[in-house]
């Protein structure tokens, strides 16, 4: 069974992937684009953190 799990883990190229993410919100002056074409790959075993000021879009991205 350990061999099967090892082979399965080797075939995984991404633990998480965001590809071409965009987000806009309705605003009085028209749509407000807050994320534009964001892509992110996280490899298995990789540790990633998003840092930024309050309101910069970290939670919106996730």
PDB file of N, CA and C in Angstrom:
ATOM      1  N   UNK A   1       0.820  -1.196   0.000  1.00  0.00           N
ATOM      2  CA  UNK A   1       0.000   0.000   0.000  1.00  0.00           C
ATOM      3  C   UNK A   1       0.864   1.261   0.000  1.00  0.00           C
ATOM      4  N   UNK A   2       1.978   1.250   0.723  1.00  0.00           N
ATOM      5  CA  UNK A   2       2.862   2.414   0.763  1.00  0.00           C
ATOM      6  C   UNK A   2       3.383   2.737  -0.627  1.00  0.00           C
ATOM      7  N   UNK A   3       3.677   1.727  -1.425  1.00  0.00           N
ATOM      8  CA  UNK A   3       4.164   1.947  -2.783  1.00  0.00           C
ATOM      9  C   UNK A   3       3.096   2.640  -3.616  1.00  0.00           C
ATOM     10  N   UNK A   4       1.853   2.224  -3.472  1.00  0.00           N
ATOM     11  CA  UNK A   4       0.755   2.841  -4.216  1.00  0.00           C
ATOM     12  C   UNK A   4       0.604   4.310  -3.828  1.00  0.00           C
ATOM     13  N   UNK A   5       0.679   4.613  -2.540  1.00  0.00           N
ATOM     14  CA  UNK A   5       0.559   6.008  -2.095  1.00  0.00           C
ATOM     15  C   UNK A   5       1.721   6.840  -2.601  1.00  0.00           C
ATOM     16  N   UNK A   6       2.922   6.293  -2.595  1.00  0.00           N
ATOM     17  CA  UNK A   6       4.094   7.024  -3.083  1.00  0.00           C
ATOM     18  C   UNK A   6       3.943   7.335  -4.566  1.00  0.00           C
ATOM     19  N   UNK A   7       3.484   6.366  -5.345  1.00  0.00           N
ATOM     20  CA  UNK A   7       3.286   6.594  -6.779  1.00  0.00           C
ATOM     21  C   UNK A   7       2.207   7.650  -7.012  1.00  0.00           C
ATOM     22  N   UNK A   8       1.144   7.616  -6.229  1.00  0.00           N
ATOM     23  CA  UNK A   8       0.082   8.613  -6.371  1.00  0.00           C
ATOM     24  C   UNK A   8       0.611  10.000  -6.033  1.00  0.00           C
ATOM     25  N   UNK A   9       1.414  10.116  -4.986  1.00  0.00           N
ATOM     26  CA  UNK A   9       1.964  11.413  -4.597  1.00  0.00           C
ATOM     27  C   UNK A   9       2.916  11.945  -5.655  1.00  0.00           C
ATOM     28  N   UNK A  10       3.672  11.076  -6.300  1.00  0.00           N
ATOM     29  CA  UNK A  10       4.602  11.503  -7.346  1.00  0.00           C
ATOM     30  C   UNK A  10       3.868  12.061  -8.552  1.00  0.00           C
ATOM     31  N   UNK A  11       2.664  11.591  -8.818  1.00  0.00           N
ATOM     32  CA  UNK A  11       1.934  12.033 -10.007  1.00  0.00           C
ATOM     33  C   UNK A  11       1.229  13.378  -9.795  1.00  0.00           C
ATOM     34  N   UNK A  12       1.097  13.833  -8.557  1.00  0.00           N
ATOM     35  CA  UNK A  12       0.450  15.102  -8.269  1.00  0.00           C
ATOM     36  C   UNK A  12       1.440  16.238  -8.519  1.00  0.00           C
ATOM     37  N   UNK A  13       1.066  17.181  -9.364  1.00  0.00           N
ATOM     38  CA  UNK A  13       1.965  18.296  -9.664  1.00  0.00           C
ATOM     39  C   UNK A  13       1.608  19.550  -8.886  1.00  0.00           C
ATOM     40  N   UNK A  14       0.363  19.632  -8.400  1.00  0.00           N
ATOM     41  CA  UNK A  14      -0.080  20.814  -7.657  1.00  0.00           C
ATOM     42  C   UNK A  14      -0.906  20.377  -6.459  1.00  0.00           C
ATOM     43  N   UNK A  15      -0.615  20.960  -5.318  1.00  0.00           N
ATOM     44  CA  UNK A  15      -1.472  20.757  -4.152  1.00  0.00           C
ATOM     45  C   UNK A  15      -2.668  21.704  -4.256  1.00  0.00           C
ATOM     46  N   UNK A  16      -2.440  22.856  -4.860  1.00  0.00           N
ATOM     47  CA  UNK A  16      -3.496  23.846  -5.100  1.00  0.00           C
ATOM     48  C   UNK A  16      -3.116  24.652  -6.334  1.00  0.00           C
ATOM     49  N   UNK A  17      -4.118  25.066  -7.060  1.00  0.00           N
ATOM     50  CA  UNK A  17      -3.862  25.864  -8.263  1.00  0.00           C
ATOM     51  C   UNK A  17      -4.985  26.869  -8.460  1.00  0.00           C
ATOM     52  N   UNK A  18      -4.598  28.110  -8.672  1.00  0.00           N
ATOM     53  CA  UNK A  18      -5.519  29.166  -9.075  1.00  0.00           C
ATOM     54  C   UNK A  18      -5.063  29.604 -10.457  1.00  0.00           C
ATOM     55  N   UNK A  19      -5.982  29.676 -11.385  1.00  0.00           N
ATOM     56  CA  UNK A  19      -5.580  30.002 -12.748  1.00  0.00           C
ATOM     57  C   UNK A  19      -6.503  31.066 -13.330  1.00  0.00           C
ATOM     58  N   UNK A  20      -5.915  32.184 -13.715  1.00  0.00           N
ATOM     59  CA  UNK A  20      -6.619  33.283 -14.379  1.00  0.00           C
ATOM     60  C   UNK A  20      -7.834  33.768 -13.585  1.00  0.00           C
ATOM     61  N   UNK A  21      -7.637  34.003 -12.298  1.00  0.00           N
ATOM     62  CA  UNK A  21      -8.722  34.453 -11.423  1.00  0.00           C
ATOM     63  C   UNK A  21      -8.901  35.961 -11.558  1.00  0.00           C
ATOM     64  N   UNK A  22     -10.127  36.366 -11.781  1.00  0.00           N
ATOM     65  CA  UNK A  22     -10.481  37.786 -11.827  1.00  0.00           C
ATOM     66  C   UNK A  22     -11.745  37.969 -11.007  1.00  0.00           C
ATOM     67  N   UNK A  23     -11.892  39.127 -10.394  1.00  0.00           N
ATOM     68  CA  UNK A  23     -13.083  39.418  -9.593  1.00  0.00           C
ATOM     69  C   UNK A  23     -13.363  40.904  -9.658  1.00  0.00           C
ATOM     70  N   UNK A  24     -14.628  41.228  -9.826  1.00  0.00           N
ATOM     71  CA  UNK A  24     -15.047  42.624  -9.778  1.00  0.00           C
ATOM     72  C   UNK A  24     -16.297  42.722  -8.912  1.00  0.00           C
ATOM     73  N   UNK A  25     -16.504  43.892  -8.354  1.00  0.00           N
ATOM     74  CA  UNK A  25     -17.676  44.169  -7.536  1.00  0.00           C
ATOM     75  C   UNK A  25     -18.426  45.337  -8.151  1.00  0.00           C
ATOM     76  N   UNK A  26     -19.753  45.314  -7.986  1.00  0.00           N
ATOM     77  CA  UNK A  26     -20.577  46.434  -8.461  1.00  0.00           C
ATOM     78  C   UNK A  26     -20.289  47.658  -7.592  1.00  0.00           C
ATOM     79  N   UNK A  27     -20.154  48.795  -8.227  1.00  0.00           N
ATOM     80  CA  UNK A  27     -19.902  50.060  -7.530  1.00  0.00           C
ATOM     81  C   UNK A  27     -20.755  51.138  -8.188  1.00  0.00           C
ATOM     82  N   UNK A  28     -21.003  52.235  -7.494  1.00  0.00           N
ATOM     83  CA  UNK A  28     -21.838  53.304  -8.059  1.00  0.00           C
ATOM     84  C   UNK A  28     -21.347  53.804  -9.420  1.00  0.00           C
ATOM     85  N   UNK A  29     -20.037  53.867  -9.630  1.00  0.00           N
ATOM     86  CA  UNK A  29     -19.503  54.352 -10.896  1.00  0.00           C
ATOM     87  C   UNK A  29     -19.292  53.252 -11.936  1.00  0.00           C
ATOM     88  N   UNK A  30     -19.768  52.061 -11.646  1.00  0.00           N
ATOM     89  CA  UNK A  30     -19.578  50.926 -12.542  1.00  0.00           C
ATOM     90  C   UNK A  30     -18.753  49.848 -11.856  1.00  0.00           C
ATOM     91  N   UNK A  31     -18.520  48.737 -12.522  1.00  0.00           N
ATOM     92  CA  UNK A  31     -17.802  47.632 -11.902  1.00  0.00           C
ATOM     93  C   UNK A  31     -16.387  48.030 -11.456  1.00  0.00           C
ATOM     94  N   UNK A  32     -16.001  47.574 -10.263  1.00  0.00           N
ATOM     95  CA  UNK A  32     -14.670  47.841  -9.725  1.00  0.00           C
ATOM     96  C   UNK A  32     -13.873  46.541  -9.792  1.00  0.00           C
ATOM     97  N   UNK A  33     -12.859  46.495 -10.662  1.00  0.00           N
ATOM     98  CA  UNK A  33     -12.017  45.309 -10.807  1.00  0.00           C
ATOM     99  C   UNK A  33     -11.039  45.250  -9.641  1.00  0.00           C
ATOM    100  N   UNK A  34     -11.080  44.165  -8.856  1.00  0.00           N
ATOM    101  CA  UNK A  34     -10.208  44.061  -7.685  1.00  0.00           C
ATOM    102  C   UNK A  34      -9.126  42.999  -7.845  1.00  0.00           C
ATOM    103  N   UNK A  35      -9.365  41.992  -8.666  1.00  0.00           N
ATOM    104  CA  UNK A  35      -8.355  40.993  -9.015  1.00  0.00           C
ATOM    105  C   UNK A  35      -8.389  40.832 -10.523  1.00  0.00           C
ATOM    106  N   UNK A  36      -7.218  40.791 -11.129  1.00  0.00           N
ATOM    107  CA  UNK A  36      -7.174  40.709 -12.585  1.00  0.00           C
ATOM    108  C   UNK A  36      -6.152  39.678 -13.037  1.00  0.00           C
ATOM    109  N   UNK A  37      -6.637  38.536 -13.528  1.00  0.00           N
ATOM    110  CA  UNK A  37      -5.801  37.505 -14.154  1.00  0.00           C
ATOM    111  C   UNK A  37      -4.684  37.009 -13.222  1.00  0.00           C
ATOM    112  N   UNK A  38      -5.066  36.592 -12.005  1.00  0.00           N
ATOM    113  CA  UNK A  38      -4.113  36.090 -11.016  1.00  0.00           C
ATOM    114  C   UNK A  38      -3.982  34.578 -11.164  1.00  0.00           C
ATOM    115  N   UNK A  39      -2.751  34.091 -11.217  1.00  0.00           N
ATOM    116  CA  UNK A  39      -2.480  32.655 -11.253  1.00  0.00           C
ATOM    117  C   UNK A  39      -1.477  32.312 -10.160  1.00  0.00           C
ATOM    118  N   UNK A  40      -1.664  31.147  -9.533  1.00  0.00           N
ATOM    119  CA  UNK A  40      -0.799  30.711  -8.444  1.00  0.00           C
ATOM    120  C   UNK A  40      -0.791  29.195  -8.415  1.00  0.00           C
ATOM    121  N   UNK A  41       0.392  28.598  -8.380  1.00  0.00           N
ATOM    122  CA  UNK A  41       0.543  27.154  -8.224  1.00  0.00           C
ATOM    123  C   UNK A  41       1.249  26.885  -6.909  1.00  0.00           C
ATOM    124  N   UNK A  42       0.724  25.938  -6.144  1.00  0.00           N
ATOM    125  CA  UNK A  42       1.350  25.516  -4.891  1.00  0.00           C
ATOM    126  C   UNK A  42       1.688  24.037  -5.050  1.00  0.00           C
ATOM    127  N   UNK A  43       2.967  23.722  -4.919  1.00  0.00           N
ATOM    128  CA  UNK A  43       3.428  22.343  -5.066  1.00  0.00           C
ATOM    129  C   UNK A  43       3.143  21.548  -3.797  1.00  0.00           C
ATOM    130  N   UNK A  44       2.987  20.240  -3.918  1.00  0.00           N
ATOM    131  CA  UNK A  44       2.810  19.414  -2.726  1.00  0.00           C
ATOM    132  C   UNK A  44       3.974  19.612  -1.758  1.00  0.00           C
ATOM    133  N   UNK A  45       3.663  19.820  -0.491  1.00  0.00           N
ATOM    134  CA  UNK A  45       4.679  20.016   0.526  1.00  0.00           C
ATOM    135  C   UNK A  45       5.190  21.437   0.629  1.00  0.00           C
ATOM    136  N   UNK A  46       4.774  22.310  -0.266  1.00  0.00           N
ATOM    137  CA  UNK A  46       5.222  23.699  -0.258  1.00  0.00           C
ATOM    138  C   UNK A  46       4.372  24.510   0.717  1.00  0.00           C
ATOM    139  N   UNK A  47       4.997  25.427   1.420  1.00  0.00           N
ATOM    140  CA  UNK A  47       4.318  26.321   2.362  1.00  0.00           C
ATOM    141  C   UNK A  47       4.227  27.695   1.722  1.00  0.00           C
ATOM    142  N   UNK A  48       3.014  28.225   1.621  1.00  0.00           N
ATOM    143  CA  UNK A  48       2.792  29.527   0.977  1.00  0.00           C
ATOM    144  C   UNK A  48       1.944  30.391   1.897  1.00  0.00           C
ATOM    145  N   UNK A  49       2.281  31.655   1.961  1.00  0.00           N
ATOM    146  CA  UNK A  49       1.473  32.605   2.714  1.00  0.00           C
ATOM    147  C   UNK A  49       1.203  33.830   1.847  1.00  0.00           C
ATOM    148  N   UNK A  50       0.053  34.424   2.031  1.00  0.00           N
ATOM    149  CA  UNK A  50      -0.290  35.667   1.342  1.00  0.00           C
ATOM    150  C   UNK A  50      -0.176  36.794   2.348  1.00  0.00           C
ATOM    151  N   UNK A  51       0.638  37.759   2.048  1.00  0.00           N
ATOM    152  CA  UNK A  51       0.845  38.907   2.926  1.00  0.00           C
ATOM    153  C   UNK A  51       0.378  40.176   2.239  1.00  0.00           C
ATOM    154  N   UNK A  52      -0.188  41.064   3.002  1.00  0.00           N
ATOM    155  CA  UNK A  52      -0.578  42.345   2.445  1.00  0.00           C
ATOM    156  C   UNK A  52      -1.394  43.133   3.447  1.00  0.00           C
ATOM    157  N   UNK A  53      -1.574  44.371   3.135  1.00  0.00           N
ATOM    158  CA  UNK A  53      -2.345  45.266   3.998  1.00  0.00           C
ATOM    159  C   UNK A  53      -3.812  44.853   4.046  1.00  0.00           C
ATOM    160  N   UNK A  54      -4.489  45.297   5.062  1.00  0.00           N
ATOM    161  CA  UNK A  54      -5.915  45.057   5.195  1.00  0.00           C
ATOM    162  C   UNK A  54      -6.636  45.608   3.961  1.00  0.00           C
ATOM    163  N   UNK A  55      -7.501  44.782   3.385  1.00  0.00           N
ATOM    164  CA  UNK A  55      -8.285  45.233   2.240  1.00  0.00           C
ATOM    165  C   UNK A  55      -7.608  45.098   0.895  1.00  0.00           C
ATOM    166  N   UNK A  56      -6.460  44.416   0.827  1.00  0.00           N
ATOM    167  CA  UNK A  56      -5.753  44.335  -0.455  1.00  0.00           C
ATOM    168  C   UNK A  56      -6.209  43.173  -1.338  1.00  0.00           C
ATOM    169  N   UNK A  57      -7.079  42.262  -0.822  1.00  0.00           N
ATOM    170  CA  UNK A  57      -7.627  41.209  -1.667  1.00  0.00           C
ATOM    171  C   UNK A  57      -7.214  39.796  -1.322  1.00  0.00           C
ATOM    172  N   UNK A  58      -6.552  39.585  -0.201  1.00  0.00           N
ATOM    173  CA  UNK A  58      -6.109  38.240   0.185  1.00  0.00           C
ATOM    174  C   UNK A  58      -7.303  37.286   0.321  1.00  0.00           C
ATOM    175  N   UNK A  59      -8.281  37.664   1.096  1.00  0.00           N
ATOM    176  CA  UNK A  59      -9.460  36.813   1.301  1.00  0.00           C
ATOM    177  C   UNK A  59     -10.280  36.685   0.030  1.00  0.00           C
ATOM    178  N   UNK A  60     -10.367  37.734  -0.729  1.00  0.00           N
ATOM    179  CA  UNK A  60     -11.106  37.695  -1.999  1.00  0.00           C
ATOM    180  C   UNK A  60     -10.477  36.686  -2.939  1.00  0.00           C
ATOM    181  N   UNK A  61      -9.163  36.640  -2.973  1.00  0.00           N
ATOM    182  CA  UNK A  61      -8.456  35.673  -3.830  1.00  0.00           C
ATOM    183  C   UNK A  61      -8.778  34.245  -3.407  1.00  0.00           C
ATOM    184  N   UNK A  62      -8.757  33.991  -2.105  1.00  0.00           N
ATOM    185  CA  UNK A  62      -9.007  32.635  -1.632  1.00  0.00           C
ATOM    186  C   UNK A  62     -10.471  32.294  -1.666  1.00  0.00           C
TER     187      UNK A  62
END
